[in-house]
Amino acid sequence: MSSIHLVLGGIRSGKSAYAERLAAEIAGREPALYVATGIAVDAEMEERIQRHQQRRPQNWQTLEAPLNPVGALQDQSRAMDPPTVLLLDSMDVWVSNLMLEHEGTPRSELEARIVGAARRLAEYIREIDSQAVVVSSEIGHSLVATTAMGRQFQDLLGTVNQAMAEEADQVTMVVAGLPVPIKPTGTAR
């Protein structure tokens, strides 16, 4: 039975570590598939990626999907069975990657494209019957960006988070490392 658990939190809130523990609990001794959206564009991001890799169980498989998680999952499932448990970390990095990839695209078209991609991701997770943990930064608790691109990112990520929360079976906010249920299991989608 498929499920989507959206894990939100601020920067350095502990959301990724919580999501990894949650995915490990769901997977038990089975391997999980870690869908990574990050790209090592500088030394700081390289270090961040390494920290995440070191925390993961050795038997987990990593699938790098900075622009098209659905396409990467489809390619992966041609080679092997779809994952029982997958962890996508993170939606905010994915949205950022897509914004940079489609820089210059009119705002409304970009929003439709990115929100549509997020909805397709949720549909695909349901299709392959996986239990998914999806991580994203909660953008609503930060300062309003001082640049137009920063504000566009905040608007887009807020919209994407809302779309994924609507599709999710559960939503948890992580605050200072503590999980706070926002949408418990059994709440109507």
Foldseek 3Di string as FASTA:
>chain_A
DEFEEEEEEAVPLQRLVVLLVVLCVVQPPHAEEEEEQDDCPDPVSVVVVVVSVVSHDPRHHYFYDNAAPLVSQVVVCVVHQRGQEYEYPALLSSLVSLCVVPPPPDLVVSLCVSLVRLLVVLVVSVVSNHYYYYYYYQLVVDDQDPDPVSNSSSVSRNSSVVSVVQSGQWYWYRGNNDTDTDHHHPRHD
